[in-house]
C-alpha atoms as a PDB file:
ATOM      1  CA  MET A   1    -157.088-140.812 -96.167  1.00  0.00           C
ATOM      2  CA  MET A   2    -155.763-142.053 -92.981  1.00  0.00           C
ATOM      3  CA  LEU A   3    -156.013-138.926 -91.204  1.00  0.00           C
ATOM      4  CA  GLN A   4    -159.553-138.173 -92.400  1.00  0.00           C
ATOM      5  CA  GLN A   5    -160.601-141.675 -91.069  1.00  0.00           C
ATOM      6  CA  GLN A   6    -159.006-140.799 -87.643  1.00  0.00           C
ATOM      7  CA  ILE A   7    -160.763-137.514 -87.758  1.00  0.00           C
ATOM      8  CA  ARG A   8    -164.158-139.520 -88.605  1.00  0.00           C
ATOM      9  CA  ARG A   9    -163.651-141.848 -85.973  1.00  0.00           C
ATOM     10  CA  ARG A  10    -162.759-139.313 -83.028  1.00  0.00           C
ATOM     11  CA  VAL A  11    -166.048-137.660 -84.049  1.00  0.00           C
ATOM     12  CA  ARG A  12    -168.463-140.542 -83.714  1.00  0.00           C
ATOM     13  CA  ALA A  13    -166.822-141.160 -80.362  1.00  0.00           C
ATOM     14  CA  TYR A  14    -167.036-137.987 -78.670  1.00  0.00           C
ATOM     15  CA  TRP A  15    -169.605-135.799 -80.443  1.00  0.00           C
ATOM     16  CA  PRO A  16    -171.697-136.010 -77.582  1.00  0.00           C
ATOM     17  CA  VAL A  17    -169.341-133.614 -75.634  1.00  0.00           C
ATOM     18  CA  VAL A  18    -170.625-130.734 -77.431  1.00  0.00           C
ATOM     19  CA  LEU A  19    -174.122-131.662 -75.836  1.00  0.00           C
ATOM     20  CA  VAL A  20    -172.243-130.416 -72.578  1.00  0.00           C
ATOM     21  CA  PRO A  21    -171.705-126.481 -73.330  1.00  0.00           C
ATOM     22  CA  LEU A  22    -175.072-126.489 -75.415  1.00  0.00           C
ATOM     23  CA  GLY A  23    -177.129-127.693 -72.526  1.00  0.00           C
ATOM     24  CA  PHE A  24    -175.544-125.239 -70.181  1.00  0.00           C
ATOM     25  CA  ALA A  25    -175.966-122.441 -72.462  1.00  0.00           C
ATOM     26  CA  ILE A  26    -179.806-123.198 -72.765  1.00  0.00           C
ATOM     27  CA  SER A  27    -179.755-123.368 -68.873  1.00  0.00           C
ATOM     28  CA  LEU A  28    -178.370-120.104 -68.862  1.00  0.00           C
ATOM     29  CA  TYR A  29    -180.358-118.430 -71.447  1.00  0.00           C
ATOM     30  CA  SER A  30    -183.486-119.516 -69.216  1.00  0.00           C
ATOM     31  CA  ASN A  31    -182.452-117.395 -66.553  1.00  0.00           C
ATOM     32  CA  ARG A  32    -182.937-114.119 -68.752  1.00  0.00           C
ATOM     33  CA  ALA A  33    -186.311-115.831 -69.812  1.00  0.00           C
ATOM     34  CA  TYR A  34    -187.564-115.807 -66.125  1.00  0.00           C
ATOM     35  CA  PRO A  35    -190.120-115.358 -65.035  1.00  0.00           C
ATOM     36  CA  ALA A  36    -191.615-116.576 -68.470  1.00  0.00           C
ATOM     37  CA  PRO A  37    -193.587-119.985 -67.372  1.00  0.00           C
ATOM     38  CA  TRP A  38    -191.483-121.485 -70.167  1.00  0.00           C
ATOM     39  CA  ALA A  39    -188.167-120.567 -68.415  1.00  0.00           C
ATOM     40  CA  ALA A  40    -188.493-123.807 -66.233  1.00  0.00           C
ATOM     41  CA  VAL A  41    -188.809-126.058 -69.469  1.00  0.00           C
ATOM     42  CA  LEU A  42    -185.959-124.428 -71.002  1.00  0.00           C
ATOM     43  CA  TYR A  43    -183.801-124.728 -67.837  1.00  0.00           C
ATOM     44  CA  TRP A  44    -184.599-128.412 -67.393  1.00  0.00           C
ATOM     45  CA  CYS A  45    -184.301-129.365 -70.838  1.00  0.00           C
ATOM     46  CA  GLY A  46    -180.626-128.009 -70.707  1.00  0.00           C
ATOM     47  CA  PHE A  47    -179.941-129.994 -67.741  1.00  0.00           C
ATOM     48  CA  LEU A  48    -181.074-133.131 -69.233  1.00  0.00           C
ATOM     49  CA  ILE A  49    -178.938-132.151 -72.425  1.00  0.00           C
ATOM     50  CA  THR A  50    -175.911-131.369 -70.199  1.00  0.00           C
ATOM     51  CA  SER A  51    -176.458-134.800 -68.504  1.00  0.00           C
ATOM     52  CA  SER A  52    -176.559-136.931 -71.853  1.00  0.00           C
ATOM     53  CA  GLY A  53    -173.156-135.415 -72.596  1.00  0.00           C
ATOM     54  CA  LEU A  54    -171.029-136.124 -69.487  1.00  0.00           C
ATOM     55  CA  PRO A  55    -170.197-140.047 -70.310  1.00  0.00           C
ATOM     56  CA  ALA A  56    -168.826-138.703 -73.528  1.00  0.00           C
ATOM     57  CA  VAL A  57    -166.973-136.254 -71.657  1.00  0.00           C
ATOM     58  CA  LYS A  58    -165.746-138.863 -68.974  1.00  0.00           C
ATOM     59  CA  ARG A  59    -164.836-141.509 -72.158  1.00  0.00           C
ATOM     60  CA  PHE A  60    -162.755-138.297 -73.558  1.00  0.00           C
ATOM     61  CA  VAL A  61    -160.692-137.536 -70.210  1.00  0.00           C
ATOM     62  CA  ASP A  62    -160.028-141.338 -69.821  1.00  0.00           C
ATOM     63  CA  ALA A  63    -158.853-141.827 -72.991  1.00  0.00           C
ATOM     64  CA  GLY A  64    -155.531-139.991 -72.487  1.00  0.00           C
ATOM     65  CA  PRO A  65    -153.309-139.953 -69.623  1.00  0.00           C
ATOM     66  CA  LEU A  66    -153.090-136.170 -69.320  1.00  0.00           C
ATOM     67  CA  ARG A  67    -156.318-134.948 -69.824  1.00  0.00           C
ATOM     68  CA  GLY A  68    -157.759-136.000 -66.613  1.00  0.00           C
ATOM     69  CA  GLY A  69    -155.517-133.421 -64.897  1.00  0.00           C
ATOM     70  CA  LEU A  70    -157.097-130.612 -66.986  1.00  0.00           C
ATOM     71  CA  LEU A  71    -160.224-130.763 -65.369  1.00  0.00           C
ATOM     72  CA  ARG A  72    -159.640-127.938 -62.587  1.00  0.00           C
ATOM     73  CA  VAL A  73    -158.496-125.965 -65.796  1.00  0.00           C
ATOM     74  CA  VAL A  74    -161.997-126.610 -67.354  1.00  0.00           C
ATOM     75  CA  MET A  75    -163.646-125.610 -64.306  1.00  0.00           C
ATOM     76  CA  VAL A  76    -161.770-122.075 -63.938  1.00  0.00           C
ATOM     77  CA  PHE A  77    -162.587-121.718 -67.511  1.00  0.00           C
ATOM     78  CA  CYS A  78    -166.529-122.249 -67.035  1.00  0.00           C
ATOM     79  CA  VAL A  79    -166.273-119.793 -63.673  1.00  0.00           C
ATOM     80  CA  LEU A  80    -164.552-117.349 -65.883  1.00  0.00           C
ATOM     81  CA  ALA A  81    -167.507-117.856 -68.698  1.00  0.00           C
ATOM     82  CA  LEU A  82    -170.240-117.279 -65.927  1.00  0.00           C
ATOM     83  CA  LEU A  83    -168.240-114.086 -64.529  1.00  0.00           C
ATOM     84  CA  THR A  84    -168.015-112.460 -68.045  1.00  0.00           C
ATOM     85  CA  TYR A  85    -171.043-113.156 -69.490  1.00  0.00           C
ATOM     86  CA  ARG A  86    -172.450-110.038 -67.863  1.00  0.00           C
ATOM     87  CA  PRO A  87    -169.655-107.622 -69.302  1.00  0.00           C
ATOM     88  CA  VAL A  88    -169.796-109.391 -72.551  1.00  0.00           C
ATOM     89  CA  ALA A  89    -173.458-108.705 -72.830  1.00  0.00           C
ATOM     90  CA  THR A  90    -172.737-104.926 -71.868  1.00  0.00           C
ATOM     91  CA  VAL A  91    -170.068-104.841 -74.806  1.00  0.00           C
ATOM     92  CA  VAL A  92    -172.851-106.375 -77.321  1.00  0.00           C
ATOM     93  CA  LYS A  93    -175.366-103.529 -75.901  1.00  0.00           C
ATOM     94  CA  ALA A  94    -172.665-100.701 -76.240  1.00  0.00           C
ATOM     95  CA  PHE A  95    -172.187-101.815 -79.940  1.00  0.00           C
ATOM     96  CA  GLN A  96    -175.854-101.688 -80.337  1.00  0.00           C
ATOM     97  CA  GLY A  97    -176.202 -98.443 -78.654  1.00  0.00           C
ATOM     98  CA  THR A  98    -178.502 -99.507 -76.328  1.00  0.00           C
ATOM     99  CA  ALA A  99    -176.055 -99.844 -72.995  1.00  0.00           C
ATOM    100  CA  GLN A 100    -177.118 -97.866 -70.157  1.00  0.00           C
ATOM    101  CA  PRO A 101    -174.842 -96.735 -66.983  1.00  0.00           C
ATOM    102  CA  ARG A 102    -176.196 -99.167 -64.856  1.00  0.00           C
ATOM    103  CA  ASP A 103    -175.004-101.735 -67.445  1.00  0.00           C
ATOM    104  CA  TYR A 104    -171.382-100.693 -67.173  1.00  0.00           C
ATOM    105  CA  SER A 105    -172.354-100.494 -63.086  1.00  0.00           C
ATOM    106  CA  GLY A 106    -173.122-103.982 -63.215  1.00  0.00           C
ATOM    107  CA  ALA A 107    -169.843-105.160 -65.107  1.00  0.00           C
ATOM    108  CA  VAL A 108    -167.407-103.480 -63.072  1.00  0.00           C
ATOM    109  CA  THR A 109    -168.025-106.037 -59.896  1.00  0.00           C
ATOM    110  CA  PRO A 110    -167.200-109.397 -61.882  1.00  0.00           C
ATOM    111  CA  LEU A 111    -164.366-108.060 -63.917  1.00  0.00           C
ATOM    112  CA  VAL A 112    -162.511-106.755 -60.856  1.00  0.00           C
ATOM    113  CA  VAL A 113    -162.936-110.570 -59.374  1.00  0.00           C
ATOM    114  CA  VAL A 114    -161.595-111.915 -62.587  1.00  0.00           C
ATOM    115  CA  ALA A 115    -158.803-109.519 -62.435  1.00  0.00           C
ATOM    116  CA  LEU A 116    -157.899-110.392 -58.654  1.00  0.00           C
ATOM    117  CA  LEU A 117    -158.663-113.950 -58.405  1.00  0.00           C
ATOM    118  CA  LEU A 118    -157.874-115.269 -61.961  1.00  0.00           C
ATOM    119  CA  PRO A 119    -154.025-115.599 -61.372  1.00  0.00           C
ATOM    120  CA  LEU A 120    -154.829-117.403 -58.065  1.00  0.00           C
ATOM    121  CA  ALA A 121    -157.116-119.728 -59.516  1.00  0.00           C
ATOM    122  CA  VAL A 122    -154.789-120.336 -62.412  1.00  0.00           C
ATOM    123  CA  ARG A 123    -152.045-121.803 -60.067  1.00  0.00           C
ATOM    124  CA  TRP A 124    -154.743-123.723 -58.335  1.00  0.00           C
ATOM    125  CA  ALA A 125    -156.058-125.338 -61.300  1.00  0.00           C
ATOM    126  CA  GLU A 126    -152.429-126.299 -62.502  1.00  0.00           C
ATOM    127  CA  PRO A 127    -152.586-130.368 -62.894  1.00  0.00           C
ATOM    128  CA  LYS A 128    -150.096-131.666 -60.595  1.00  0.00           C
ATOM    129  CA  ASP A 129    -149.124-134.824 -62.368  1.00  0.00           C
ATOM    130  CA  PHE A 130    -146.835-135.443 -65.131  1.00  0.00           C
ATOM    131  CA  PRO A 131    -145.314-131.729 -64.696  1.00  0.00           C
ATOM    132  CA  VAL A 132    -142.503-131.587 -67.151  1.00  0.00           C
ATOM    133  CA  ARG A 133    -144.860-133.077 -69.870  1.00  0.00           C
ATOM    134  CA  ARG A 134    -147.302-130.665 -69.428  1.00  0.00           C
ATOM    135  CA  LEU A 135    -144.840-127.945 -69.670  1.00  0.00           C
ATOM    136  CA  ALA A 136    -145.637-126.308 -72.863  1.00  0.00           C
ATOM    137  CA  GLY A 137    -149.234-126.224 -71.973  1.00  0.00           C
ATOM    138  CA  ARG A 138    -148.442-124.408 -68.550  1.00  0.00           C
ATOM    139  CA  ILE A 139    -146.856-121.521 -70.075  1.00  0.00           C
ATOM    140  CA  ARG A 140    -149.360-121.311 -73.092  1.00  0.00           C
ATOM    141  CA  ARG A 141    -152.548-121.175 -70.199  1.00  0.00           C
ATOM    142  CA  THR A 142    -150.129-118.837 -67.988  1.00  0.00           C
ATOM    143  CA  ALA A 143    -149.399-116.179 -70.605  1.00  0.00           C
ATOM    144  CA  ILE A 144    -153.170-116.176 -72.045  1.00  0.00           C
ATOM    145  CA  LEU A 145    -154.971-116.023 -68.739  1.00  0.00           C
ATOM    146  CA  ARG A 146    -152.524-113.350 -67.515  1.00  0.00           C
ATOM    147  CA  THR A 147    -153.734-111.344 -70.456  1.00  0.00           C
ATOM    148  CA  ILE A 148    -157.454-111.901 -69.828  1.00  0.00           C
ATOM    149  CA  SER A 149    -156.622-111.023 -66.380  1.00  0.00           C
ATOM    150  CA  ASN A 150    -155.120-107.374 -67.195  1.00  0.00           C
ATOM    151  CA  GLY A 151    -157.710-106.956 -69.800  1.00  0.00           C
ATOM    152  CA  ALA A 152    -160.607-107.197 -67.025  1.00  0.00           C
ATOM    153  CA  GLY A 153    -158.688-104.765 -64.908  1.00  0.00           C
ATOM    154  CA  LEU A 154    -158.429-102.468 -67.645  1.00  0.00           C
ATOM    155  CA  CYS A 155    -162.279-103.381 -68.817  1.00  0.00           C
ATOM    156  CA  ALA A 156    -163.218-102.889 -65.371  1.00  0.00           C
ATOM    157  CA  ALA A 157    -161.326 -98.950 -65.407  1.00  0.00           C
ATOM    158  CA  ALA A 158    -163.139 -98.378 -68.591  1.00  0.00           C
ATOM    159  CA  SER A 159    -166.764 -99.644 -67.028  1.00  0.00           C
ATOM    160  CA  PHE A 160    -166.148 -97.692 -64.145  1.00  0.00           C
ATOM    161  CA  LEU A 161    -165.274 -94.288 -65.897  1.00  0.00           C
ATOM    162  CA  ALA A 162    -168.207 -95.004 -68.786  1.00  0.00           C
ATOM    163  CA  ALA A 163    -171.088 -95.411 -65.983  1.00  0.00           C
ATOM    164  CA  ARG A 164    -170.141 -92.165 -64.922  1.00  0.00           C
ATOM    165  CA  LEU A 165    -169.066 -90.340 -68.075  1.00  0.00           C
ATOM    166  CA  ILE A 166    -172.135 -91.164 -70.103  1.00  0.00           C
ATOM    167  CA  GLY A 167    -174.770 -88.954 -70.035  1.00  0.00           C
ATOM    168  CA  SER A 168    -172.659 -85.917 -68.989  1.00  0.00           C
ATOM    169  CA  ALA A 169    -172.039 -82.926 -71.485  1.00  0.00           C
ATOM    170  CA  ASN A 170    -168.825 -83.239 -73.014  1.00  0.00           C
ATOM    171  CA  PRO A 171    -167.916 -87.265 -72.089  1.00  0.00           C
ATOM    172  CA  PRO A 172    -164.026 -87.513 -72.626  1.00  0.00           C
ATOM    173  CA  LEU A 173    -164.710 -91.247 -73.918  1.00  0.00           C
ATOM    174  CA  ILE A 174    -162.560 -91.269 -77.068  1.00  0.00           C
ATOM    175  CA  SER A 175    -159.437 -90.285 -75.092  1.00  0.00           C
ATOM    176  CA  ALA A 176    -160.137 -92.646 -72.239  1.00  0.00           C
ATOM    177  CA  VAL A 177    -160.668 -95.824 -74.470  1.00  0.00           C
ATOM    178  CA  LEU A 178    -157.577 -94.777 -76.536  1.00  0.00           C
ATOM    179  CA  THR A 179    -155.486 -94.624 -73.214  1.00  0.00           C
ATOM    180  CA  LEU A 180    -156.670 -98.034 -71.924  1.00  0.00           C
ATOM    181  CA  LEU A 181    -156.307 -99.515 -75.500  1.00  0.00           C
ATOM    182  CA  ILE A 182    -152.688 -98.599 -75.475  1.00  0.00           C
ATOM    183  CA  ALA A 183    -152.094 -99.611 -71.577  1.00  0.00           C
ATOM    184  CA  MET A 184    -153.992-103.068 -72.755  1.00  0.00           C
ATOM    185  CA  ALA A 185    -151.183-103.223 -75.499  1.00  0.00           C
ATOM    186  CA  VAL A 186    -148.342-102.614 -73.430  1.00  0.00           C
ATOM    187  CA  VAL A 187    -149.304-105.066 -70.766  1.00  0.00           C
ATOM    188  CA  THR A 188    -149.707-107.837 -73.005  1.00  0.00           C
ATOM    189  CA  HIS A 189    -146.682-107.108 -74.915  1.00  0.00           C
ATOM    190  CA  LYS A 190    -144.611-107.474 -71.370  1.00  0.00           C
ATOM    191  CA  THR A 191    -146.443-110.467 -70.619  1.00  0.00           C
ATOM    192  CA  PHE A 192    -145.415-112.182 -73.718  1.00  0.00           C
ATOM    193  CA  GLY A 193    -141.981-110.692 -73.793  1.00  0.00           C
ATOM    194  CA  ARG A 194    -141.420-112.089 -70.265  1.00  0.00           C
ATOM    195  CA  THR A 195    -142.594-115.578 -71.461  1.00  0.00           C
ATOM    196  CA  ARG A 196    -140.337-115.453 -74.575  1.00  0.00           C
ATOM    197  CA  LYS A 197    -137.174-114.256 -72.809  1.00  0.00           C
ATOM    198  CA  LEU A 198    -137.721-116.710 -69.907  1.00  0.00           C
ATOM    199  CA  CYS A 199    -138.153-119.776 -72.185  1.00  0.00           C
ATOM    200  CA  THR A 200    -135.178-118.651 -74.232  1.00  0.00           C
ATOM    201  CA  GLN A 201    -132.826-118.402 -71.473  1.00  0.00           C
ATOM    202  CA  THR A 202    -134.485-122.006 -70.194  1.00  0.00           C
ATOM    203  CA  TYR A 203    -133.806-123.450 -73.298  1.00  0.00           C
ATOM    204  CA  VAL A 204    -129.991-122.123 -73.163  1.00  0.00           C
ATOM    205  CA  ALA A 205    -129.739-123.788 -69.844  1.00  0.00           C
ATOM    206  CA  ALA A 206    -131.175-127.145 -70.650  1.00  0.00           C
ATOM    207  CA  GLN A 207    -129.033-127.393 -73.429  1.00  0.00           C
ATOM    208  CA  THR A 208    -126.152-126.620 -71.646  1.00  0.00           C
ATOM    209  CA  LEU A 209    -126.791-129.296 -68.809  1.00  0.00           C
ATOM    210  CA  LEU A 210    -127.555-131.498 -71.439  1.00  0.00           C
ATOM    211  CA  ARG A 211    -123.970-131.098 -73.160  1.00  0.00           C
ATOM    212  CA  ASP A 212    -122.190-131.277 -69.813  1.00  0.00           C
ATOM    213  CA  LEU A 213    -123.918-134.380 -69.222  1.00  0.00           C
ATOM    214  CA  ALA A 214    -122.744-135.888 -72.133  1.00  0.00           C
ATOM    215  CA  ARG A 215    -119.195-135.016 -71.862  1.00  0.00           C
ATOM    216  CA  LEU A 216    -119.375-136.441 -68.134  1.00  0.00           C
ATOM    217  CA  ASP A 217    -120.240-139.722 -69.937  1.00  0.00           C
ATOM    218  CA  GLU A 218    -117.615-139.639 -72.267  1.00  0.00           C
ATOM    219  CA  LYS A 219    -114.967-138.846 -69.269  1.00  0.00           C
ATOM    220  CA  ARG A 220    -116.507-142.162 -67.452  1.00  0.00           C
ATOM    221  CA  ILE A 221    -116.386-144.519 -70.275  1.00  0.00           C
ATOM    222  CA  GLU A 222    -112.662-143.235 -70.800  1.00  0.00           C
ATOM    223  CA  VAL A 223    -112.047-144.249 -67.279  1.00  0.00           C
ATOM    224  CA  THR A 224    -114.053-147.517 -67.830  1.00  0.00           C
ATOM    225  CA  GLY A 225    -111.314-148.305 -70.483  1.00  0.00           C
ATOM    226  CA  ARG A 226    -108.230-147.622 -68.553  1.00  0.00           C
ATOM    227  CA  SER A 227    -106.309-150.410 -67.197  1.00  0.00           C
ATOM    228  CA  ALA A 228    -105.649-150.487 -63.672  1.00  0.00           C
ATOM    229  CA  LYS A 229    -102.021-150.486 -63.857  1.00  0.00           C
ATOM    230  CA  GLN A 230    -102.125-147.013 -65.436  1.00  0.00           C
ATOM    231  CA  TRP A 231    -102.725-145.172 -62.298  1.00  0.00           C
ATOM    232  CA  LEU A 232    -101.113-141.808 -63.017  1.00  0.00           C
ATOM    233  CA  PRO A 233    -103.499-141.433 -66.317  1.00  0.00           C
ATOM    234  CA  LEU A 234    -106.286-142.738 -64.417  1.00  0.00           C
ATOM    235  CA  ARG A 235    -105.963-139.808 -61.484  1.00  0.00           C
ATOM    236  CA  ARG A 236    -105.546-137.080 -64.208  1.00  0.00           C
ATOM    237  CA  THR A 237    -108.884-138.595 -65.849  1.00  0.00           C
ATOM    238  CA  THR A 238    -110.672-138.926 -62.347  1.00  0.00           C
ATOM    239  CA  LEU A 239    -109.919-135.328 -61.573  1.00  0.00           C
ATOM    240  CA  SER A 240    -110.977-134.371 -65.064  1.00  0.00           C
ATOM    241  CA  ILE A 241    -114.462-136.180 -64.283  1.00  0.00           C
ATOM    242  CA  THR A 242    -114.548-134.035 -61.186  1.00  0.00           C
ATOM    243  CA  ALA A 243    -114.224-131.023 -62.944  1.00  0.00           C
ATOM    244  CA  GLU A 244    -116.898-132.266 -65.460  1.00  0.00           C
ATOM    245  CA  GLN A 245    -119.036-132.830 -62.454  1.00  0.00           C
ATOM    246  CA  LYS A 246    -118.728-129.427 -61.225  1.00  0.00           C
ATOM    247  CA  ALA A 247    -119.636-128.421 -64.576  1.00  0.00           C
ATOM    248  CA  ALA A 248    -122.832-130.056 -64.801  1.00  0.00           C
ATOM    249  CA  ARG A 249    -123.948-129.029 -61.171  1.00  0.00           C
ATOM    250  CA  ASP A 250    -122.921-125.205 -62.331  1.00  0.00           C
ATOM    251  CA  SER A 251    -125.183-125.908 -65.197  1.00  0.00           C
ATOM    252  CA  TRP A 252    -128.102-127.447 -63.208  1.00  0.00           C
ATOM    253  CA  ASP A 253    -127.942-124.411 -60.674  1.00  0.00           C
ATOM    254  CA  ALA A 254    -128.678-121.901 -63.959  1.00  0.00           C
ATOM    255  CA  LEU A 255    -131.289-124.100 -65.115  1.00  0.00           C
ATOM    256  CA  LYS A 256    -132.675-124.270 -61.756  1.00  0.00           C
ATOM    257  CA  LEU A 257    -133.156-120.518 -61.525  1.00  0.00           C
ATOM    258  CA  ASN A 258    -135.172-120.087 -64.683  1.00  0.00           C
ATOM    259  CA  LEU A 259    -137.357-123.195 -63.322  1.00  0.00           C
ATOM    260  CA  ARG A 260    -138.438-121.408 -60.428  1.00  0.00           C
ATOM    261  CA  THR A 261    -138.733-118.427 -62.315  1.00  0.00           C
ATOM    262  CA  THR A 262    -142.662-117.044 -62.528  1.00  0.00           C
ATOM    263  CA  ILE A 263    -143.928-116.669 -65.865  1.00  0.00           C
ATOM    264  CA  ASP A 264    -146.355-114.233 -66.170  1.00  0.00           C
ATOM    265  CA  THR A 265    -145.053-111.656 -63.341  1.00  0.00           C
ATOM    266  CA  GLY A 266    -142.114-110.889 -61.125  1.00  0.00           C
ATOM    267  CA  TYR A 267    -144.391-111.280 -58.091  1.00  0.00           C
ATOM    268  CA  ARG A 268    -143.972-114.628 -57.001  1.00  0.00           C
ATOM    269  CA  LEU A 269    -147.545-114.112 -54.838  1.00  0.00           C
ATOM    270  CA  PHE A 270    -149.417-113.572 -57.917  1.00  0.00           C
ATOM    271  CA  GLY A 271    -147.412-115.297 -60.669  1.00  0.00           C
ATOM    272  CA  THR A 272    -147.191-118.992 -61.942  1.00  0.00           C
ATOM    273  CA  PRO A 273    -143.371-120.350 -61.983  1.00  0.00           C
ATOM    274  CA  LEU A 274    -142.174-122.402 -64.688  1.00  0.00           C
ATOM    275  CA  LEU A 275    -142.598-125.547 -62.460  1.00  0.00           C
ATOM    276  CA  ALA A 276    -144.079-125.866 -59.104  1.00  0.00           C
ATOM    277  CA  ASP A 277    -141.363-126.205 -56.279  1.00  0.00           C
ATOM    278  CA  SER A 278    -142.005-130.084 -55.743  1.00  0.00           C
ATOM    279  CA  ALA A 279    -141.632-130.816 -59.390  1.00  0.00           C
ATOM    280  CA  VAL A 280    -138.135-129.193 -59.346  1.00  0.00           C
ATOM    281  CA  ASP A 281    -136.851-130.600 -56.316  1.00  0.00           C
ATOM    282  CA  GLU A 282    -137.947-133.945 -58.008  1.00  0.00           C
ATOM    283  CA  LEU A 283    -136.075-133.055 -61.148  1.00  0.00           C
ATOM    284  CA  GLU A 284    -133.096-131.775 -58.967  1.00  0.00           C
ATOM    285  CA  LYS A 285    -132.821-135.276 -57.151  1.00  0.00           C
ATOM    286  CA  GLN A 286    -132.650-137.031 -60.483  1.00  0.00           C
ATOM    287  CA  VAL A 287    -129.931-134.973 -62.459  1.00  0.00           C
ATOM    288  CA  LEU A 288    -127.892-134.923 -59.060  1.00  0.00           C
ATOM    289  CA  GLY A 289    -128.054-138.716 -59.107  1.00  0.00           C
ATOM    290  CA  ASP A 290    -127.236-138.767 -62.567  1.00  0.00           C
ATOM    291  CA  ILE A 291    -124.317-136.531 -62.199  1.00  0.00           C
ATOM    292  CA  ASP A 292    -122.902-138.297 -59.261  1.00  0.00           C
ATOM    293  CA  GLY A 293    -123.537-141.676 -61.057  1.00  0.00           C
ATOM    294  CA  ALA A 294    -126.194-143.083 -58.626  1.00  0.00           C
ATOM    295  CA  ALA A 295    -129.093-143.238 -60.668  1.00  0.00           C
ATOM    296  CA  ALA A 296    -130.368-144.095 -64.559  1.00  0.00           C
ATOM    297  CA  THR A 297    -129.517-141.614 -66.873  1.00  0.00           C
ATOM    298  CA  ARG A 298    -132.367-142.221 -69.330  1.00  0.00           C
ATOM    299  CA  PRO A 299    -135.245-140.707 -67.697  1.00  0.00           C
ATOM    300  CA  VAL A 300    -133.683-137.567 -66.611  1.00  0.00           C
ATOM    301  CA  ARG A 301    -132.336-136.793 -70.248  1.00  0.00           C
ATOM    302  CA  ASP A 302    -135.832-137.388 -71.311  1.00  0.00           C
ATOM    303  CA  ASP A 303    -136.888-135.104 -68.974  1.00  0.00           C
ATOM    304  CA  LEU A 304    -134.571-132.152 -70.030  1.00  0.00           C
ATOM    305  CA  GLU A 305    -135.251-132.988 -73.701  1.00  0.00           C
ATOM    306  CA  THR A 306    -138.951-132.238 -72.779  1.00  0.00           C
ATOM    307  CA  VAL A 307    -138.136-128.818 -71.497  1.00  0.00           C
ATOM    308  CA  LEU A 308    -136.358-128.051 -74.682  1.00  0.00           C
ATOM    309  CA  GLN A 309    -139.111-129.034 -76.588  1.00  0.00           C
ATOM    310  CA  ALA A 310    -141.511-126.979 -74.701  1.00  0.00           C
ATOM    311  CA  CYS A 311    -139.493-123.787 -74.529  1.00  0.00           C
ATOM    312  CA  ALA A 312    -138.537-124.141 -78.515  1.00  0.00           C
ATOM    313  CA  ALA A 313    -141.429-122.763 -79.844  1.00  0.00           C
ATOM    314  CA  ARG A 314    -140.892-119.389 -77.759  1.00  0.00           C
ATOM    315  CA  ILE A 315    -137.295-118.347 -78.194  1.00  0.00           C
ATOM    316  CA  ASP A 316    -136.566-115.057 -79.034  1.00  0.00           C
ATOM    317  CA  VAL A 317    -133.062-114.092 -78.736  1.00  0.00           C
ATOM    318  CA  LEU A 318    -134.154-110.533 -78.538  1.00  0.00           C
ATOM    319  CA  ALA A 319    -136.800-110.604 -76.475  1.00  0.00           C
END
């Protein structure tokens, strides 16, 4: 009952948000109706409907601290929708049996743009605030958009072939389509397999570091509880603390390598790392400060626990 009340409250507060995509779709449809005289009316009606939903969008964004940084991600999805509008229309015509070679030719360019620029746009759009708390969403977005980018490239190749093979005497479309479908399945499996493997290794490295930090805490408590007269055991315990610090640093080095590894591809120029370099550097300062006993331990432990939670849903030891 309480869940239903929360849902109703949110629907009443944010339902005007749906006016934004609705108005945008109306304005977009008006371009297809041009030069009909009522096309301009449709365009301005869509513009007004979109504008009336923007205040609700602002309220929704301001209600959560993590929502504001996602605006650029939304912009990327909007541009993606615009670029894929014509290819989707071509697919609809193909299922209806009315697609012509010029339709396939017109779909090639936007698909190539998506395949080449979407990975770069993903890196630009990723929010820079709260990087550790956003890690789960970063992994999910990167894998999905990389799959879309790969699919756009393969669809561009399919459109290019279709524009030239349709109308020929014996078009080998079936074999070409099957080949591209198999290629799409392979690259998709490769992308998500890489993501699961990286998350598994990151989870193990973060868990090892947390355990090393816990053992280091135990040694420090042991040193604090000893008497100053027991100088020999104290010295031995101090040496033990140094060994625990070295083990924790080694664990951090292993975790840092995983955090700097790209999620979706091995080519760093076009890939998105698990965490941005600035976020890794900031986390390193906190971890080393914790190891040396010069900083508070709770914030960095919380960040490491967040990394564990982000990677836990994608653990696959057989990837």
